[in-house]
Amino acid sequence: MYCYIECYQITKKIGLAEALQHLEKLAQNLGGSNLDFWEQHLPTDSTNPNTP
C-alpha cells in the first residue's frame, strides 16, 4: 500500500490526471470513495521527507 500512497503524492504534485483517475478507481476498489482515501493514508510524521 505504501507504493500507492507514494505514487499518489507524486502524481498529485505534478498533476498527472490519468494516473490520478486510475488511483481513484483503485481507491474505490479498496473501499474508499475517491482520492480522499489516499489523503487519509498519507504519513503525518513531520520527519518524513515524503510528507506533503
PDB file of N, CA and C in Angstrom:
ATOM      1  N   MET A   1       0.835  -1.194   0.000  1.00  0.00           N
ATOM      2  CA  MET A   1       0.000   0.000   0.000  1.00  0.00           C
ATOM      3  C   MET A   1       0.879   1.256   0.000  1.00  0.00           C
ATOM      4  N   TYR A   2       2.046   1.167   0.633  1.00  0.00           N
ATOM      5  CA  TYR A   2       2.935   2.327   0.693  1.00  0.00           C
ATOM      6  C   TYR A   2       3.292   2.828  -0.707  1.00  0.00           C
ATOM      7  N   CYS A   3       3.487   1.897  -1.635  1.00  0.00           N
ATOM      8  CA  CYS A   3       3.846   2.284  -3.010  1.00  0.00           C
ATOM      9  C   CYS A   3       2.758   3.140  -3.650  1.00  0.00           C
ATOM     10  N   TYR A   4       1.504   2.766  -3.410  1.00  0.00           N
ATOM     11  CA  TYR A   4       0.390   3.520  -3.986  1.00  0.00           C
ATOM     12  C   TYR A   4       0.257   4.900  -3.347  1.00  0.00           C
ATOM     13  N   ILE A   5       0.524   4.971  -2.061  1.00  0.00           N
ATOM     14  CA  ILE A   5       0.461   6.267  -1.371  1.00  0.00           C
ATOM     15  C   ILE A   5       1.553   7.188  -1.914  1.00  0.00           C
ATOM     16  N   GLU A   6       2.740   6.635  -2.085  1.00  0.00           N
ATOM     17  CA  GLU A   6       3.836   7.429  -2.641  1.00  0.00           C
ATOM     18  C   GLU A   6       3.524   7.851  -4.078  1.00  0.00           C
ATOM     19  N   CYS A   7       2.946   6.946  -4.845  1.00  0.00           N
ATOM     20  CA  CYS A   7       2.538   7.262  -6.220  1.00  0.00           C
ATOM     21  C   CYS A   7       1.514   8.393  -6.212  1.00  0.00           C
ATOM     22  N   TYR A   8       0.562   8.328  -5.286  1.00  0.00           N
ATOM     23  CA  TYR A   8      -0.451   9.384  -5.183  1.00  0.00           C
ATOM     24  C   TYR A   8       0.201  10.731  -4.894  1.00  0.00           C
ATOM     25  N   GLN A   9       1.150  10.747  -3.971  1.00  0.00           N
ATOM     26  CA  GLN A   9       1.818  12.008  -3.629  1.00  0.00           C
ATOM     27  C   GLN A   9       2.512  12.612  -4.846  1.00  0.00           C
ATOM     28  N   ILE A  10       3.185  11.780  -5.605  1.00  0.00           N
ATOM     29  CA  ILE A  10       3.923  12.273  -6.777  1.00  0.00           C
ATOM     30  C   ILE A  10       2.965  12.751  -7.859  1.00  0.00           C
ATOM     31  N   THR A  11       1.945  11.951  -8.163  1.00  0.00           N
ATOM     32  CA  THR A  11       1.026  12.339  -9.238  1.00  0.00           C
ATOM     33  C   THR A  11       0.215  13.572  -8.870  1.00  0.00           C
ATOM     34  N   LYS A  12      -0.094  13.716  -7.589  1.00  0.00           N
ATOM     35  CA  LYS A  12      -0.801  14.925  -7.149  1.00  0.00           C
ATOM     36  C   LYS A  12       0.099  16.150  -7.311  1.00  0.00           C
ATOM     37  N   LYS A  13       1.363  15.990  -6.958  1.00  0.00           N
ATOM     38  CA  LYS A  13       2.313  17.100  -7.032  1.00  0.00           C
ATOM     39  C   LYS A  13       2.508  17.580  -8.473  1.00  0.00           C
ATOM     40  N   ILE A  14       2.602  16.623  -9.418  1.00  0.00           N
ATOM     41  CA  ILE A  14       2.849  17.005 -10.810  1.00  0.00           C
ATOM     42  C   ILE A  14       1.569  17.128 -11.627  1.00  0.00           C
ATOM     43  N   GLY A  15       0.440  16.740 -11.024  1.00  0.00           N
ATOM     44  CA  GLY A  15      -0.849  16.916 -11.692  1.00  0.00           C
ATOM     45  C   GLY A  15      -1.089  15.989 -12.861  1.00  0.00           C
ATOM     46  N   LEU A  16      -0.674  14.758 -12.729  1.00  0.00           N
ATOM     47  CA  LEU A  16      -0.845  13.785 -13.800  1.00  0.00           C
ATOM     48  C   LEU A  16      -2.258  13.196 -13.733  1.00  0.00           C
ATOM     49  N   ALA A  17      -3.159  13.763 -14.500  1.00  0.00           N
ATOM     50  CA  ALA A  17      -4.587  13.466 -14.411  1.00  0.00           C
ATOM     51  C   ALA A  17      -4.918  11.996 -14.658  1.00  0.00           C
ATOM     52  N   GLU A  18      -4.316  11.393 -15.660  1.00  0.00           N
ATOM     53  CA  GLU A  18      -4.643   9.998 -15.974  1.00  0.00           C
ATOM     54  C   GLU A  18      -4.268   9.076 -14.810  1.00  0.00           C
ATOM     55  N   ALA A  19      -3.112   9.290 -14.224  1.00  0.00           N
ATOM     56  CA  ALA A  19      -2.698   8.467 -13.083  1.00  0.00           C
ATOM     57  C   ALA A  19      -3.620   8.700 -11.892  1.00  0.00           C
ATOM     58  N   LEU A  20      -4.049   9.928 -11.679  1.00  0.00           N
ATOM     59  CA  LEU A  20      -4.972  10.216 -10.585  1.00  0.00           C
ATOM     60  C   LEU A  20      -6.312   9.511 -10.793  1.00  0.00           C
ATOM     61  N   GLN A  21      -6.756   9.424 -12.029  1.00  0.00           N
ATOM     62  CA  GLN A  21      -8.002   8.713 -12.320  1.00  0.00           C
ATOM     63  C   GLN A  21      -7.870   7.230 -11.976  1.00  0.00           C
ATOM     64  N   HIS A  22      -6.732   6.646 -12.317  1.00  0.00           N
ATOM     65  CA  HIS A  22      -6.508   5.233 -12.006  1.00  0.00           C
ATOM     66  C   HIS A  22      -6.397   5.018 -10.495  1.00  0.00           C
ATOM     67  N   LEU A  23      -5.745   5.947  -9.808  1.00  0.00           N
ATOM     68  CA  LEU A  23      -5.636   5.838  -8.353  1.00  0.00           C
ATOM     69  C   LEU A  23      -7.004   5.994  -7.689  1.00  0.00           C
ATOM     70  N   GLU A  24      -7.862   6.815  -8.278  1.00  0.00           N
ATOM     71  CA  GLU A  24      -9.209   6.959  -7.731  1.00  0.00           C
ATOM     72  C   GLU A  24      -9.991   5.649  -7.880  1.00  0.00           C
ATOM     73  N   LYS A  25      -9.855   5.001  -9.027  1.00  0.00           N
ATOM     74  CA  LYS A  25     -10.519   3.710  -9.227  1.00  0.00           C
ATOM     75  C   LYS A  25      -9.968   2.662  -8.264  1.00  0.00           C
ATOM     76  N   LEU A  26      -8.670   2.679  -8.057  1.00  0.00           N
ATOM     77  CA  LEU A  26      -8.064   1.743  -7.114  1.00  0.00           C
ATOM     78  C   LEU A  26      -8.579   1.996  -5.700  1.00  0.00           C
ATOM     79  N   ALA A  27      -8.682   3.263  -5.326  1.00  0.00           N
ATOM     80  CA  ALA A  27      -9.217   3.612  -4.006  1.00  0.00           C
ATOM     81  C   ALA A  27     -10.635   3.067  -3.849  1.00  0.00           C
ATOM     82  N   GLN A  28     -11.435   3.171  -4.881  1.00  0.00           N
ATOM     83  CA  GLN A  28     -12.806   2.649  -4.834  1.00  0.00           C
ATOM     84  C   GLN A  28     -12.803   1.131  -4.683  1.00  0.00           C
ATOM     85  N   ASN A  29     -11.885   0.469  -5.362  1.00  0.00           N
ATOM     86  CA  ASN A  29     -11.777  -0.991  -5.241  1.00  0.00           C
ATOM     87  C   ASN A  29     -11.335  -1.415  -3.844  1.00  0.00           C
ATOM     88  N   LEU A  30     -10.622  -0.528  -3.159  1.00  0.00           N
ATOM     89  CA  LEU A  30     -10.145  -0.824  -1.808  1.00  0.00           C
ATOM     90  C   LEU A  30     -11.119  -0.365  -0.731  1.00  0.00           C
ATOM     91  N   GLY A  31     -12.273   0.132  -1.141  1.00  0.00           N
ATOM     92  CA  GLY A  31     -13.299   0.513  -0.184  1.00  0.00           C
ATOM     93  C   GLY A  31     -13.435   1.997   0.061  1.00  0.00           C
ATOM     94  N   GLY A  32     -12.612   2.806  -0.588  1.00  0.00           N
ATOM     95  CA  GLY A  32     -12.732   4.261  -0.467  1.00  0.00           C
ATOM     96  C   GLY A  32     -13.743   4.789  -1.469  1.00  0.00           C
ATOM     97  N   SER A  33     -13.994   6.077  -1.379  1.00  0.00           N
ATOM     98  CA  SER A  33     -14.968   6.637  -2.315  1.00  0.00           C
ATOM     99  C   SER A  33     -14.310   7.488  -3.410  1.00  0.00           C
ATOM    100  N   ASN A  34     -13.131   8.025  -3.109  1.00  0.00           N
ATOM    101  CA  ASN A  34     -12.444   8.876  -4.090  1.00  0.00           C
ATOM    102  C   ASN A  34     -10.988   9.077  -3.667  1.00  0.00           C
ATOM    103  N   LEU A  35     -10.351  10.118  -4.165  1.00  0.00           N
ATOM    104  CA  LEU A  35      -8.940  10.356  -3.839  1.00  0.00           C
ATOM    105  C   LEU A  35      -8.716  10.711  -2.370  1.00  0.00           C
ATOM    106  N   ASP A  36      -9.769  11.071  -1.665  1.00  0.00           N
ATOM    107  CA  ASP A  36      -9.627  11.330  -0.225  1.00  0.00           C
ATOM    108  C   ASP A  36      -9.127  10.091   0.509  1.00  0.00           C
ATOM    109  N   PHE A  37      -9.389   8.923  -0.056  1.00  0.00           N
ATOM    110  CA  PHE A  37      -8.886   7.679   0.521  1.00  0.00           C
ATOM    111  C   PHE A  37      -7.380   7.759   0.694  1.00  0.00           C
ATOM    112  N   TRP A  38      -6.676   8.258  -0.320  1.00  0.00           N
ATOM    113  CA  TRP A  38      -5.213   8.354  -0.250  1.00  0.00           C
ATOM    114  C   TRP A  38      -4.797   9.454   0.713  1.00  0.00           C
ATOM    115  N   GLU A  39      -5.536  10.563   0.731  1.00  0.00           N
ATOM    116  CA  GLU A  39      -5.228  11.648   1.665  1.00  0.00           C
ATOM    117  C   GLU A  39      -5.274  11.153   3.108  1.00  0.00           C
ATOM    118  N   GLN A  40      -6.225  10.283   3.401  1.00  0.00           N
ATOM    119  CA  GLN A  40      -6.373   9.758   4.757  1.00  0.00           C
ATOM    120  C   GLN A  40      -5.222   8.838   5.148  1.00  0.00           C
ATOM    121  N   HIS A  41      -4.512   8.306   4.173  1.00  0.00           N
ATOM    122  CA  HIS A  41      -3.423   7.383   4.445  1.00  0.00           C
ATOM    123  C   HIS A  41      -2.041   8.014   4.295  1.00  0.00           C
ATOM    124  N   LEU A  42      -1.988   9.315   4.054  1.00  0.00           N
ATOM    125  CA  LEU A  42      -0.693   9.981   3.947  1.00  0.00           C
ATOM    126  C   LEU A  42       0.004   9.981   5.292  1.00  0.00           C
ATOM    127  N   PRO A  43       1.326   9.860   5.284  1.00  0.00           N
ATOM    128  CA  PRO A  43       2.059   9.916   6.551  1.00  0.00           C
ATOM    129  C   PRO A  43       1.926  11.305   7.174  1.00  0.00           C
ATOM    130  N   THR A  44       1.857  11.362   8.484  1.00  0.00           N
ATOM    131  CA  THR A  44       1.732  12.640   9.175  1.00  0.00           C
ATOM    132  C   THR A  44       2.979  12.994   9.954  1.00  0.00           C
ATOM    133  N   ASP A  45       3.979  12.131   9.902  1.00  0.00           N
ATOM    134  CA  ASP A  45       5.227  12.356  10.625  1.00  0.00           C
ATOM    135  C   ASP A  45       6.010  13.484   9.963  1.00  0.00           C
ATOM    136  N   SER A  46       6.267  14.542  10.690  1.00  0.00           N
ATOM    137  CA  SER A  46       6.936  15.717  10.127  1.00  0.00           C
ATOM    138  C   SER A  46       8.390  15.419   9.775  1.00  0.00           C
ATOM    139  N   THR A  47       8.952  14.316  10.262  1.00  0.00           N
ATOM    140  CA  THR A  47      10.336  13.964   9.930  1.00  0.00           C
ATOM    141  C   THR A  47      10.419  13.197   8.622  1.00  0.00           C
ATOM    142  N   ASN A  48       9.276  12.801   8.078  1.00  0.00           N
ATOM    143  CA  ASN A  48       9.256  12.047   6.829  1.00  0.00           C
ATOM    144  C   ASN A  48       9.349  13.027   5.665  1.00  0.00           C
ATOM    145  N   PRO A  49      10.401  12.912   4.843  1.00  0.00           N
ATOM    146  CA  PRO A  49      10.550  13.858   3.716  1.00  0.00           C
ATOM    147  C   PRO A  49       9.456  13.722   2.672  1.00  0.00           C
ATOM    148  N   ASN A  50       8.704  12.621   2.682  1.00  0.00           N
ATOM    149  CA  ASN A  50       7.636  12.441   1.707  1.00  0.00           C
ATOM    150  C   ASN A  50       6.325  13.043   2.146  1.00  0.00           C
ATOM    151  N   THR A  51       6.283  13.611   3.350  1.00  0.00           N
ATOM    152  CA  THR A  51       5.062  14.226   3.842  1.00  0.00           C
ATOM    153  C   THR A  51       4.818  15.529   3.104  1.00  0.00           C
ATOM    154  N   PRO A  52       3.608  15.700   2.556  1.00  0.00           N
ATOM    155  CA  PRO A  52       3.338  16.943   1.817  1.00  0.00           C
ATOM    156  C   PRO A  52       3.306  18.149   2.716  1.00  0.00           C
TER     157      PRO A  52
END
